[in-house]
N, C-alpha and C. Protein backbone atom coordinates (compact mmCIF):
# COMPACT_ATOMS: atom_id res chain seq x y z
N MET A 1 113.86 134.67 96.81
CA MET A 1 112.64 134.36 96.06
C MET A 1 112.08 135.63 95.44
N PHE A 2 111.64 135.55 94.22
CA PHE A 2 111.06 136.69 93.54
C PHE A 2 109.80 137.12 94.27
N PRO A 3 109.55 138.43 94.41
CA PRO A 3 108.41 138.89 95.21
C PRO A 3 107.09 138.34 94.71
N GLY A 4 106.36 137.67 95.59
CA GLY A 4 105.05 137.16 95.26
C GLY A 4 105.03 135.90 94.44
N GLU A 5 106.20 135.36 94.09
CA GLU A 5 106.25 134.25 93.14
C GLU A 5 105.59 132.99 93.71
N ALA A 6 105.69 132.79 95.01
CA ALA A 6 105.16 131.56 95.60
C ALA A 6 103.65 131.54 95.64
N VAL A 7 103.00 132.71 95.56
CA VAL A 7 101.56 132.75 95.71
C VAL A 7 100.85 133.26 94.48
N CYS A 8 101.59 133.61 93.43
CA CYS A 8 100.98 134.15 92.23
C CYS A 8 101.35 133.29 91.04
N ALA A 9 100.36 132.90 90.27
CA ALA A 9 100.64 132.07 89.10
C ALA A 9 99.60 132.31 88.04
N ALA A 10 100.00 132.17 86.79
CA ALA A 10 99.04 132.24 85.70
C ALA A 10 98.33 130.91 85.57
N SER A 11 97.09 130.96 85.11
CA SER A 11 96.34 129.74 84.87
C SER A 11 97.05 128.90 83.82
N ALA A 12 97.31 127.65 84.11
CA ALA A 12 98.12 126.82 83.22
C ALA A 12 97.47 126.59 81.87
N ASP A 13 96.12 126.57 81.83
CA ASP A 13 95.44 126.29 80.57
C ASP A 13 94.77 127.54 80.01
N ALA A 14 95.21 128.71 80.44
CA ALA A 14 94.60 129.94 79.96
C ALA A 14 94.93 130.16 78.50
N GLY A 15 93.94 130.62 77.74
CA GLY A 15 94.17 130.96 76.35
C GLY A 15 94.91 132.27 76.25
N ALA A 16 95.43 132.56 75.06
CA ALA A 16 96.26 133.73 74.88
C ALA A 16 95.52 135.02 75.17
N ALA A 17 94.18 135.02 74.96
CA ALA A 17 93.41 136.24 75.14
C ALA A 17 92.90 136.40 76.57
N GLU A 18 93.10 135.39 77.42
CA GLU A 18 92.57 135.46 78.78
C GLU A 18 93.49 136.26 79.68
N LEU A 19 92.87 136.88 80.69
CA LEU A 19 93.66 137.63 81.66
C LEU A 19 94.34 136.66 82.62
N PRO A 20 95.53 137.03 83.11
CA PRO A 20 96.19 136.17 84.09
C PRO A 20 95.41 136.16 85.39
N VAL A 21 95.42 135.02 86.06
CA VAL A 21 94.81 134.90 87.37
C VAL A 21 95.88 135.24 88.40
N CYS A 22 95.67 136.32 89.13
CA CYS A 22 96.70 136.82 90.04
C CYS A 22 96.23 136.66 91.47
N ALA A 23 96.78 135.68 92.16
CA ALA A 23 96.42 135.48 93.56
C ALA A 23 96.95 136.63 94.40
N ALA A 24 96.37 136.81 95.56
CA ALA A 24 96.79 137.89 96.45
C ALA A 24 98.24 137.70 96.86
N SER A 25 98.95 138.81 96.96
CA SER A 25 100.34 138.77 97.39
C SER A 25 100.43 138.34 98.85
N GLU A 26 101.58 137.80 99.20
CA GLU A 26 101.89 137.61 100.61
C GLU A 26 101.77 138.94 101.34
N ARG A 27 101.27 138.91 102.56
CA ARG A 27 101.17 140.13 103.36
C ARG A 27 102.36 140.21 104.30
N TYR A 28 103.04 141.35 104.28
CA TYR A 28 104.22 141.56 105.10
C TYR A 28 103.88 142.45 106.29
N THR A 29 104.53 142.20 107.40
CA THR A 29 104.34 143.01 108.61
C THR A 29 105.69 143.51 109.08
N GLY A 30 105.75 144.80 109.40
CA GLY A 30 107.00 145.38 109.87
C GLY A 30 106.80 146.81 110.28
N ASN A 31 107.89 147.56 110.34
CA ASN A 31 107.85 148.97 110.71
C ASN A 31 108.02 149.84 109.48
N ALA A 32 107.26 150.93 109.45
CA ALA A 32 107.41 151.92 108.39
C ALA A 32 108.12 153.15 108.94
N THR A 33 109.04 153.68 108.18
CA THR A 33 109.73 154.92 108.49
C THR A 33 109.65 155.80 107.24
N PHE A 34 110.18 157.03 107.33
CA PHE A 34 110.15 157.88 106.14
C PHE A 34 111.50 158.54 105.95
N TYR A 35 111.75 158.96 104.71
CA TYR A 35 113.00 159.64 104.37
C TYR A 35 112.73 160.65 103.27
N ASN A 36 113.67 161.51 103.03
CA ASN A 36 113.53 162.55 102.01
C ASN A 36 114.04 162.00 100.68
N PHE A 37 113.13 161.51 99.87
CA PHE A 37 113.52 160.94 98.59
C PHE A 37 113.88 162.05 97.59
N GLY A 38 113.19 163.17 97.66
CA GLY A 38 113.48 164.28 96.75
C GLY A 38 113.06 163.97 95.33
N SER A 39 113.80 164.51 94.37
CA SER A 39 113.46 164.35 92.96
C SER A 39 114.47 163.49 92.21
N GLY A 40 115.30 162.77 92.95
CA GLY A 40 116.33 161.97 92.32
C GLY A 40 115.87 160.57 91.99
N VAL A 41 116.83 159.65 91.96
CA VAL A 41 116.53 158.25 91.70
C VAL A 41 117.14 157.43 92.84
N GLY A 42 116.54 156.27 93.09
CA GLY A 42 117.05 155.39 94.12
C GLY A 42 117.92 154.29 93.55
N SER A 43 118.14 153.25 94.33
CA SER A 43 118.98 152.13 93.88
C SER A 43 118.42 151.45 92.64
N CYS A 44 117.11 151.56 92.43
CA CYS A 44 116.49 150.95 91.25
C CYS A 44 116.77 151.73 89.97
N GLY A 45 117.33 152.93 90.11
CA GLY A 45 117.60 153.74 88.94
C GLY A 45 116.37 154.43 88.38
N ILE A 46 115.28 154.44 89.15
CA ILE A 46 114.06 155.10 88.71
C ILE A 46 113.61 156.08 89.78
N GLY A 47 112.90 157.11 89.37
CA GLY A 47 112.40 158.11 90.29
C GLY A 47 110.90 158.01 90.45
N ARG A 48 110.35 159.01 91.07
CA ARG A 48 108.90 159.06 91.27
C ARG A 48 108.21 159.48 89.98
N LYS A 49 107.21 158.72 89.57
CA LYS A 49 106.48 159.01 88.35
C LYS A 49 105.32 159.94 88.66
N ARG A 50 104.94 160.73 87.69
CA ARG A 50 103.75 161.56 87.84
C ARG A 50 102.55 160.66 88.09
N GLY A 51 101.79 160.97 89.12
CA GLY A 51 100.64 160.14 89.47
C GLY A 51 100.90 159.18 90.60
N ASP A 52 102.19 158.91 90.92
CA ASP A 52 102.49 158.04 92.05
C ASP A 52 102.12 158.74 93.36
N ALA A 53 101.40 158.03 94.22
CA ALA A 53 101.08 158.59 95.53
C ALA A 53 102.32 158.63 96.42
N GLY A 54 103.26 157.74 96.19
CA GLY A 54 104.46 157.71 96.99
C GLY A 54 105.49 156.76 96.41
N VAL A 55 106.67 156.76 97.03
CA VAL A 55 107.73 155.83 96.65
C VAL A 55 108.18 155.09 97.90
N ALA A 56 108.79 153.93 97.69
CA ALA A 56 109.17 153.08 98.82
C ALA A 56 110.53 152.46 98.60
N ALA A 57 111.19 152.18 99.73
CA ALA A 57 112.46 151.45 99.75
C ALA A 57 112.27 150.20 100.59
N LEU A 58 112.80 149.07 100.13
CA LEU A 58 112.65 147.80 100.82
C LEU A 58 114.00 147.31 101.33
N GLY A 59 113.96 146.51 102.39
CA GLY A 59 115.16 145.87 102.89
C GLY A 59 115.68 144.83 101.93
N ALA A 60 116.85 144.30 102.21
CA ALA A 60 117.54 143.39 101.28
C ALA A 60 116.69 142.20 100.89
N ALA A 61 115.96 141.62 101.85
CA ALA A 61 115.18 140.40 101.55
C ALA A 61 114.11 140.67 100.51
N GLU A 62 113.35 141.77 100.69
CA GLU A 62 112.26 142.06 99.76
C GLU A 62 112.74 142.81 98.51
N TYR A 63 113.83 143.55 98.63
CA TYR A 63 114.41 144.19 97.45
C TYR A 63 114.85 143.12 96.45
N ALA A 64 115.31 142.00 96.98
CA ALA A 64 115.60 140.79 96.18
C ALA A 64 116.52 141.09 94.99
N ALA A 65 117.62 141.80 95.29
CA ALA A 65 118.63 142.10 94.26
C ALA A 65 118.03 142.82 93.07
N SER A 66 117.03 143.66 93.31
CA SER A 66 116.33 144.55 92.37
C SER A 66 115.09 143.93 91.74
N ALA A 67 114.73 142.70 92.10
CA ALA A 67 113.55 142.06 91.49
C ALA A 67 112.26 142.81 91.80
N SER A 68 112.21 143.55 92.92
CA SER A 68 111.01 144.30 93.28
C SER A 68 110.95 145.68 92.65
N CYS A 69 112.00 146.10 91.99
CA CYS A 69 112.05 147.46 91.45
C CYS A 69 110.90 147.73 90.48
N GLY A 70 110.24 148.86 90.68
CA GLY A 70 109.15 149.25 89.81
C GLY A 70 107.81 148.66 90.17
N ALA A 71 107.79 147.69 91.10
CA ALA A 71 106.52 147.12 91.55
C ALA A 71 105.82 148.11 92.47
N CYS A 72 104.52 147.93 92.67
CA CYS A 72 103.76 148.78 93.57
C CYS A 72 103.34 148.00 94.81
N VAL A 73 103.29 148.69 95.93
CA VAL A 73 102.91 148.09 97.20
C VAL A 73 101.80 148.91 97.83
N ARG A 74 100.88 148.24 98.51
CA ARG A 74 99.80 148.89 99.25
C ARG A 74 100.11 148.75 100.73
N ILE A 75 100.24 149.89 101.41
CA ILE A 75 100.68 149.92 102.80
C ILE A 75 99.52 150.38 103.68
N LEU A 76 99.24 149.65 104.74
CA LEU A 76 98.18 149.98 105.67
C LEU A 76 98.78 150.29 107.03
N GLY A 77 98.54 151.53 107.52
CA GLY A 77 99.05 151.96 108.81
C GLY A 77 97.93 152.41 109.73
N PRO A 78 98.26 152.97 110.88
CA PRO A 78 97.24 153.36 111.86
C PRO A 78 96.31 154.46 111.38
N ARG A 79 96.76 155.31 110.46
CA ARG A 79 95.92 156.41 109.98
C ARG A 79 95.15 156.04 108.72
N GLY A 80 95.72 155.20 107.87
CA GLY A 80 95.08 154.87 106.60
C GLY A 80 96.02 154.09 105.71
N ALA A 81 95.77 154.15 104.41
CA ALA A 81 96.54 153.35 103.45
C ALA A 81 97.08 154.23 102.34
N VAL A 82 98.15 153.75 101.70
CA VAL A 82 98.73 154.45 100.57
C VAL A 82 99.38 153.42 99.65
N THR A 83 99.40 153.70 98.36
CA THR A 83 100.09 152.85 97.39
C THR A 83 101.38 153.56 96.96
N ALA A 84 102.47 152.85 96.97
CA ALA A 84 103.77 153.44 96.63
C ALA A 84 104.50 152.53 95.64
N ARG A 85 105.37 153.15 94.84
CA ARG A 85 106.18 152.40 93.87
C ARG A 85 107.56 152.13 94.48
N VAL A 86 108.05 150.91 94.34
CA VAL A 86 109.37 150.55 94.87
C VAL A 86 110.44 151.13 93.95
N VAL A 87 111.26 152.01 94.52
CA VAL A 87 112.31 152.66 93.73
C VAL A 87 113.68 152.57 94.38
N ASP A 88 113.76 151.97 95.60
CA ASP A 88 115.01 152.10 96.34
C ASP A 88 115.21 150.90 97.26
N ARG A 89 116.44 150.79 97.77
CA ARG A 89 116.82 149.77 98.73
C ARG A 89 117.05 150.44 100.08
N CYS A 90 116.54 149.86 101.14
CA CYS A 90 116.66 150.42 102.48
C CYS A 90 117.72 149.64 103.25
N VAL A 91 118.84 150.29 103.54
CA VAL A 91 119.97 149.58 104.14
C VAL A 91 119.74 149.26 105.62
N HIS A 92 118.87 150.01 106.29
CA HIS A 92 118.65 149.77 107.72
C HIS A 92 117.40 148.94 108.00
N CYS A 93 116.65 148.58 106.96
CA CYS A 93 115.39 147.86 107.14
C CYS A 93 115.62 146.37 107.38
N ARG A 94 114.88 145.83 108.33
CA ARG A 94 114.82 144.39 108.50
C ARG A 94 113.74 143.83 107.58
N SER A 95 113.68 142.52 107.47
CA SER A 95 112.66 141.90 106.63
C SER A 95 111.27 142.33 107.10
N GLY A 96 110.46 142.81 106.18
CA GLY A 96 109.11 143.28 106.50
C GLY A 96 109.02 144.77 106.70
N ASP A 97 110.15 145.44 106.98
CA ASP A 97 110.13 146.89 107.14
C ASP A 97 110.04 147.58 105.79
N ILE A 98 109.61 148.82 105.82
CA ILE A 98 109.49 149.60 104.58
C ILE A 98 109.74 151.07 104.89
N ASP A 99 110.46 151.72 104.01
CA ASP A 99 110.79 153.14 104.15
C ASP A 99 110.11 153.88 103.01
N VAL A 100 109.37 154.95 103.32
CA VAL A 100 108.62 155.66 102.29
C VAL A 100 108.96 157.15 102.33
N ASN A 101 108.60 157.86 101.28
CA ASN A 101 108.79 159.30 101.30
C ASN A 101 107.83 159.93 102.30
N ALA A 102 108.15 161.15 102.72
CA ALA A 102 107.43 161.77 103.84
C ALA A 102 105.94 161.94 103.57
N SER A 103 105.55 162.37 102.38
CA SER A 103 104.13 162.59 102.12
C SER A 103 103.36 161.27 102.11
N ALA A 104 103.99 160.19 101.69
CA ALA A 104 103.33 158.88 101.76
C ALA A 104 103.16 158.45 103.22
N PHE A 105 104.16 158.74 104.04
CA PHE A 105 104.06 158.42 105.47
C PHE A 105 102.89 159.18 106.11
N ASP A 106 102.67 160.42 105.67
CA ASP A 106 101.57 161.21 106.21
C ASP A 106 100.23 160.52 106.01
N ALA A 107 100.11 159.72 104.95
CA ALA A 107 98.84 159.04 104.67
C ALA A 107 98.59 157.87 105.60
N ILE A 108 99.65 157.33 106.21
CA ILE A 108 99.48 156.13 107.04
C ILE A 108 99.67 156.39 108.52
N ALA A 109 100.29 157.54 108.88
CA ALA A 109 100.54 157.81 110.30
C ALA A 109 100.94 159.27 110.47
N GLU A 110 100.90 159.73 111.70
CA GLU A 110 101.40 161.07 112.01
C GLU A 110 102.92 161.07 111.88
N ARG A 111 103.42 162.07 111.17
CA ARG A 111 104.85 162.13 110.92
C ARG A 111 105.66 162.21 112.22
N SER A 112 105.08 162.80 113.26
CA SER A 112 105.79 162.95 114.53
C SER A 112 106.12 161.62 115.18
N LYS A 113 105.39 160.57 114.79
CA LYS A 113 105.66 159.24 115.37
C LYS A 113 106.96 158.65 114.84
N GLY A 114 107.33 158.99 113.62
CA GLY A 114 108.62 158.55 113.09
C GLY A 114 108.68 157.12 112.62
N ARG A 115 108.14 156.20 113.41
CA ARG A 115 108.17 154.78 113.10
C ARG A 115 106.87 154.16 113.59
N VAL A 116 106.18 153.43 112.71
CA VAL A 116 104.90 152.81 113.09
C VAL A 116 104.83 151.39 112.52
N SER A 117 104.02 150.57 113.13
CA SER A 117 103.79 149.22 112.63
C SER A 117 102.81 149.26 111.47
N VAL A 118 103.11 148.52 110.41
CA VAL A 118 102.25 148.49 109.22
C VAL A 118 102.18 147.07 108.67
N THR A 119 101.22 146.87 107.79
CA THR A 119 101.20 145.69 106.93
C THR A 119 101.20 146.18 105.49
N TRP A 120 101.79 145.40 104.60
CA TRP A 120 101.82 145.81 103.20
C TRP A 120 101.88 144.59 102.30
N SER A 121 101.51 144.78 101.05
CA SER A 121 101.52 143.69 100.07
C SER A 121 101.73 144.29 98.68
N TYR A 122 102.15 143.45 97.74
CA TYR A 122 102.32 143.88 96.36
C TYR A 122 100.96 143.97 95.68
N VAL A 123 100.77 145.01 94.87
CA VAL A 123 99.54 145.20 94.10
C VAL A 123 99.93 145.62 92.68
N PRO A 124 99.04 145.43 91.70
CA PRO A 124 99.34 145.93 90.36
C PRO A 124 99.45 147.45 90.38
N CYS A 125 100.36 147.99 89.59
CA CYS A 125 100.46 149.44 89.46
C CYS A 125 99.32 149.95 88.58
N ALA A 126 98.81 151.10 88.92
CA ALA A 126 97.66 151.67 88.21
C ALA A 126 98.15 152.41 86.97
N THR A 127 98.47 151.66 85.94
CA THR A 127 98.91 152.28 84.69
C THR A 127 98.32 151.52 83.52
N ALA A 128 97.90 152.27 82.52
CA ALA A 128 97.42 151.67 81.28
C ALA A 128 98.34 152.01 80.12
N ALA A 129 99.27 152.94 80.35
CA ALA A 129 100.21 153.35 79.30
C ALA A 129 101.21 152.23 79.03
N PRO A 130 101.81 152.20 77.85
CA PRO A 130 102.81 151.18 77.54
C PRO A 130 104.04 151.28 78.43
N MET A 131 104.78 150.20 78.53
CA MET A 131 106.06 150.20 79.20
C MET A 131 107.07 151.03 78.41
N THR A 132 108.12 151.47 79.09
CA THR A 132 109.20 152.19 78.43
C THR A 132 110.52 151.50 78.75
N TYR A 133 111.57 151.86 78.01
CA TYR A 133 112.86 151.18 78.10
C TYR A 133 113.96 152.24 78.21
N HIS A 134 114.74 152.14 79.27
CA HIS A 134 115.79 153.12 79.53
C HIS A 134 117.15 152.44 79.45
N PHE A 135 118.02 152.95 78.58
CA PHE A 135 119.35 152.39 78.41
C PHE A 135 120.35 153.18 79.26
N ARG A 136 121.19 152.46 79.97
CA ARG A 136 122.16 153.06 80.88
C ARG A 136 123.19 153.89 80.10
N ARG A 137 123.69 154.93 80.75
CA ARG A 137 124.82 155.67 80.20
C ARG A 137 125.99 154.70 79.98
N GLY A 138 126.58 154.71 78.83
CA GLY A 138 127.70 153.82 78.53
C GLY A 138 127.27 152.47 77.98
N SER A 139 125.96 152.25 77.83
CA SER A 139 125.49 151.01 77.22
C SER A 139 126.02 150.89 75.80
N THR A 140 126.51 149.70 75.44
CA THR A 140 127.10 149.48 74.12
C THR A 140 126.55 148.19 73.52
N PRO A 141 126.78 147.96 72.23
CA PRO A 141 126.35 146.68 71.65
C PRO A 141 126.96 145.47 72.34
N LEU A 142 128.18 145.63 72.89
CA LEU A 142 128.84 144.51 73.55
C LEU A 142 128.49 144.38 75.02
N ARG A 143 127.93 145.42 75.60
CA ARG A 143 127.45 145.35 76.98
C ARG A 143 126.22 146.24 77.10
N THR A 144 125.15 145.73 76.57
CA THR A 144 123.90 146.47 76.54
C THR A 144 123.23 146.38 77.91
N ALA A 145 122.78 147.52 78.43
CA ALA A 145 122.13 147.56 79.74
C ALA A 145 120.84 148.35 79.63
N VAL A 146 119.72 147.69 79.92
CA VAL A 146 118.41 148.32 79.73
C VAL A 146 117.50 148.03 80.91
N GLN A 147 116.72 149.03 81.29
CA GLN A 147 115.69 148.88 82.31
C GLN A 147 114.32 148.84 81.64
N VAL A 148 113.41 148.11 82.26
CA VAL A 148 111.99 148.18 81.90
C VAL A 148 111.33 149.11 82.92
N ARG A 149 110.56 150.07 82.43
CA ARG A 149 109.90 151.02 83.32
C ARG A 149 108.40 151.06 83.03
N ASN A 150 107.66 151.59 84.00
CA ASN A 150 106.21 151.77 83.88
C ASN A 150 105.49 150.45 83.62
N HIS A 151 105.85 149.41 84.36
CA HIS A 151 105.17 148.12 84.18
C HIS A 151 104.09 147.93 85.23
N ARG A 152 103.02 147.28 84.84
CA ARG A 152 101.87 147.05 85.74
C ARG A 152 102.21 146.06 86.84
N HIS A 153 102.93 145.00 86.48
CA HIS A 153 103.34 143.98 87.45
C HIS A 153 104.87 143.91 87.48
N ALA A 154 105.39 143.37 88.57
CA ALA A 154 106.83 143.22 88.68
C ALA A 154 107.36 142.37 87.51
N VAL A 155 108.53 142.75 87.02
CA VAL A 155 109.15 142.06 85.88
C VAL A 155 110.00 140.90 86.39
N ARG A 156 109.77 139.72 85.85
CA ARG A 156 110.57 138.55 86.22
C ARG A 156 111.77 138.37 85.32
N SER A 157 111.61 138.64 84.02
CA SER A 157 112.73 138.41 83.10
C SER A 157 112.60 139.26 81.85
N LEU A 158 113.74 139.49 81.20
CA LEU A 158 113.79 140.12 79.89
C LEU A 158 114.68 139.28 79.00
N GLU A 159 114.19 138.98 77.80
CA GLU A 159 114.95 138.24 76.79
C GLU A 159 115.01 139.09 75.53
N TYR A 160 116.06 138.91 74.75
CA TYR A 160 116.14 139.60 73.46
C TYR A 160 116.29 138.57 72.35
N LEU A 161 115.80 138.92 71.16
CA LEU A 161 115.82 138.02 70.02
C LEU A 161 117.12 138.16 69.26
N ARG A 162 117.86 137.05 69.12
CA ARG A 162 119.11 137.06 68.36
C ARG A 162 118.83 136.90 66.87
N GLU A 163 119.86 137.20 66.07
CA GLU A 163 119.74 137.03 64.63
C GLU A 163 119.45 135.58 64.27
N GLN A 164 119.91 134.66 65.12
CA GLN A 164 119.68 133.23 64.87
C GLN A 164 118.23 132.83 65.06
N GLY A 165 117.41 133.73 65.61
CA GLY A 165 115.98 133.45 65.74
C GLY A 165 115.54 132.94 67.09
N ASP A 166 116.45 132.89 68.08
CA ASP A 166 116.07 132.42 69.42
C ASP A 166 116.19 133.55 70.42
N PHE A 167 115.40 133.44 71.49
CA PHE A 167 115.44 134.43 72.56
C PHE A 167 116.51 134.05 73.58
N VAL A 168 117.25 135.05 74.03
CA VAL A 168 118.32 134.86 75.01
C VAL A 168 118.00 135.70 76.24
N SER A 169 118.12 135.11 77.42
CA SER A 169 117.81 135.80 78.66
C SER A 169 118.97 136.71 79.07
N ALA A 170 118.65 137.92 79.49
CA ALA A 170 119.65 138.86 80.00
C ALA A 170 119.66 138.81 81.52
N GLY A 171 120.84 138.84 82.11
CA GLY A 171 120.95 138.87 83.56
C GLY A 171 120.54 140.24 84.11
N ARG A 172 120.09 140.24 85.35
CA ARG A 172 119.64 141.49 85.98
C ARG A 172 120.61 141.87 87.10
N ASP A 173 121.11 143.12 87.07
CA ASP A 173 122.04 143.52 88.12
C ASP A 173 121.29 144.15 89.29
N ILE A 174 122.01 144.47 90.35
CA ILE A 174 121.38 144.95 91.57
C ILE A 174 120.77 146.34 91.40
N TYR A 175 121.10 147.02 90.31
CA TYR A 175 120.54 148.34 90.04
C TYR A 175 119.43 148.30 89.01
N ASN A 176 118.89 147.10 88.78
CA ASN A 176 117.67 146.96 87.98
C ASN A 176 117.89 147.08 86.48
N TYR A 177 119.11 146.86 86.03
CA TYR A 177 119.37 146.83 84.59
C TYR A 177 119.53 145.38 84.13
N PHE A 178 118.93 145.07 82.99
CA PHE A 178 119.15 143.79 82.34
C PHE A 178 120.35 143.97 81.42
N VAL A 179 121.38 143.14 81.61
CA VAL A 179 122.67 143.36 80.96
C VAL A 179 123.07 142.13 80.15
N HIS A 180 123.44 142.37 78.89
CA HIS A 180 123.91 141.28 78.02
C HIS A 180 124.43 141.93 76.73
N PRO A 181 125.35 141.29 76.03
CA PRO A 181 125.77 141.81 74.72
C PRO A 181 124.68 141.58 73.68
N MET A 182 123.82 142.57 73.46
CA MET A 182 122.63 142.39 72.62
C MET A 182 122.82 142.89 71.20
N GLY A 183 123.99 143.45 70.88
CA GLY A 183 124.19 143.97 69.54
C GLY A 183 123.70 145.41 69.41
N ARG A 184 123.64 145.88 68.20
CA ARG A 184 123.35 147.29 67.95
C ARG A 184 121.87 147.63 68.01
N GLY A 185 121.00 146.65 67.88
CA GLY A 185 119.58 146.96 67.81
C GLY A 185 119.20 147.42 66.41
N PRO A 186 117.92 147.76 66.19
CA PRO A 186 116.85 147.74 67.19
C PRO A 186 116.55 146.32 67.67
N TYR A 187 115.99 146.23 68.88
CA TYR A 187 115.80 144.95 69.55
C TYR A 187 114.34 144.52 69.55
N THR A 188 114.18 143.21 69.60
CA THR A 188 112.89 142.62 69.94
C THR A 188 113.04 142.00 71.31
N PHE A 189 112.25 142.48 72.28
CA PHE A 189 112.30 142.00 73.65
C PHE A 189 111.08 141.13 73.95
N ARG A 190 111.30 140.13 74.77
CA ARG A 190 110.20 139.39 75.39
C ARG A 190 110.31 139.62 76.88
N ILE A 191 109.31 140.29 77.46
CA ILE A 191 109.33 140.63 78.88
C ILE A 191 108.25 139.81 79.57
N THR A 192 108.63 139.17 80.67
CA THR A 192 107.72 138.29 81.40
C THR A 192 107.53 138.81 82.81
N ASP A 193 106.25 138.81 83.26
CA ASP A 193 105.97 139.30 84.61
C ASP A 193 105.95 138.14 85.60
N ILE A 194 105.70 138.44 86.88
CA ILE A 194 105.76 137.42 87.92
C ILE A 194 104.65 136.40 87.81
N TYR A 195 103.63 136.67 86.98
CA TYR A 195 102.54 135.71 86.79
C TYR A 195 102.81 134.79 85.61
N GLY A 196 103.96 134.95 84.96
CA GLY A 196 104.31 134.08 83.85
C GLY A 196 103.77 134.53 82.52
N LYS A 197 103.16 135.71 82.46
CA LYS A 197 102.62 136.24 81.21
C LYS A 197 103.67 137.10 80.52
N SER A 198 103.83 136.92 79.21
CA SER A 198 104.85 137.63 78.45
C SER A 198 104.24 138.56 77.42
N VAL A 199 104.97 139.62 77.12
CA VAL A 199 104.62 140.50 76.01
C VAL A 199 105.86 140.62 75.12
N ILE A 200 105.62 140.88 73.84
CA ILE A 200 106.71 141.08 72.88
C ILE A 200 106.75 142.55 72.50
N GLU A 201 107.95 143.12 72.58
CA GLU A 201 108.16 144.51 72.17
C GLU A 201 109.16 144.53 71.04
N ARG A 202 108.79 145.08 69.90
CA ARG A 202 109.64 145.07 68.72
C ARG A 202 110.20 146.47 68.43
N ASP A 203 111.32 146.47 67.72
CA ASP A 203 111.91 147.71 67.19
C ASP A 203 112.26 148.72 68.28
N VAL A 204 112.88 148.24 69.36
CA VAL A 204 113.34 149.12 70.42
C VAL A 204 114.74 149.61 70.06
N ALA A 205 114.88 150.90 69.83
CA ALA A 205 116.17 151.46 69.43
C ALA A 205 117.12 151.56 70.62
N HIS A 206 118.41 151.39 70.37
CA HIS A 206 119.45 151.50 71.41
C HIS A 206 119.84 152.97 71.54
N ARG A 207 119.34 153.63 72.61
CA ARG A 207 119.61 155.04 72.82
C ARG A 207 120.05 155.26 74.27
N PRO A 208 121.35 155.18 74.53
CA PRO A 208 121.84 155.36 75.90
C PRO A 208 121.39 156.69 76.50
N MET A 209 121.02 156.63 77.79
CA MET A 209 120.54 157.79 78.55
C MET A 209 119.24 158.35 77.99
N ARG A 210 118.52 157.54 77.27
CA ARG A 210 117.21 157.96 76.74
C ARG A 210 116.17 156.95 77.17
N GLU A 211 114.95 157.41 77.38
CA GLU A 211 113.83 156.52 77.66
C GLU A 211 113.07 156.31 76.37
N VAL A 212 113.04 155.07 75.91
CA VAL A 212 112.45 154.75 74.61
C VAL A 212 111.02 154.26 74.84
N ALA A 213 110.07 154.88 74.18
CA ALA A 213 108.67 154.52 74.34
C ALA A 213 108.39 153.15 73.75
N GLY A 214 107.60 152.35 74.45
CA GLY A 214 107.19 151.05 73.95
C GLY A 214 105.74 151.07 73.51
N THR A 215 105.21 149.91 73.19
CA THR A 215 103.81 149.78 72.74
C THR A 215 103.05 148.76 73.55
N ALA A 216 103.74 148.00 74.42
CA ALA A 216 103.13 146.86 75.11
C ALA A 216 103.00 147.13 76.61
N GLN A 217 102.03 146.44 77.22
CA GLN A 217 101.85 146.49 78.68
C GLN A 217 101.31 145.14 79.13
N PHE A 218 101.68 144.72 80.33
CA PHE A 218 101.15 143.47 80.88
C PHE A 218 99.65 143.57 81.06
N ALA A 219 98.96 142.45 80.83
CA ALA A 219 97.50 142.44 81.00
C ALA A 219 97.16 142.59 82.47
N ASP A 220 96.02 143.24 82.73
CA ASP A 220 95.54 143.37 84.09
C ASP A 220 95.11 141.97 84.58
N CYS A 221 94.94 141.85 85.89
CA CYS A 221 94.57 140.56 86.48
C CYS A 221 93.06 140.39 86.49
N SER A 222 92.62 139.15 86.29
CA SER A 222 91.22 138.83 86.53
C SER A 222 91.02 138.66 88.02
N PRO A 223 89.78 138.85 88.50
CA PRO A 223 89.56 138.71 89.95
C PRO A 223 89.90 137.33 90.46
């Protein structure tokens, strides 16, 4: 199941200008541990962004074959709380467990404890900047592979506009790339978040190993 999908929905009769109604995420309970994430990238293919308080890795159930990648989680531990961005998959985590970088662990517990009980839930990421688009090394017109980055809410789907005038859905791989033969570009994308709200991004150039700046961002949630 896509993270939060069962408890989050857009208002069915909302007008185009209205904010999505975002119900509270399911609350997860498990153990938190920490690891040395460093300056690299995790299974999601994304690293720590400037301004992120921390990064997190989820077990297979919550990683959901990369559906949680780029989403933000709020973790509450015995010392306090921290918000972290999901960037990785945790191979040793059971359902409900979460692995975070060391400085994020410091915010929720004493590092000497190593493992502590926590609760956590998905929250909107604190960003107002537009989303960006990263094309995988080796991406081609016949096998185009693109990530959506810097999104406020978890991404449910990406579609691209064909010359015939219809949108086609791209499949998502376990490393958080949407993959489909999309042609040479530039592309028009329709990106939909877990609340069912979509944005249109036009004129996205195909630039492998480059992060292409966008102009759109998901609307914030109404209370």
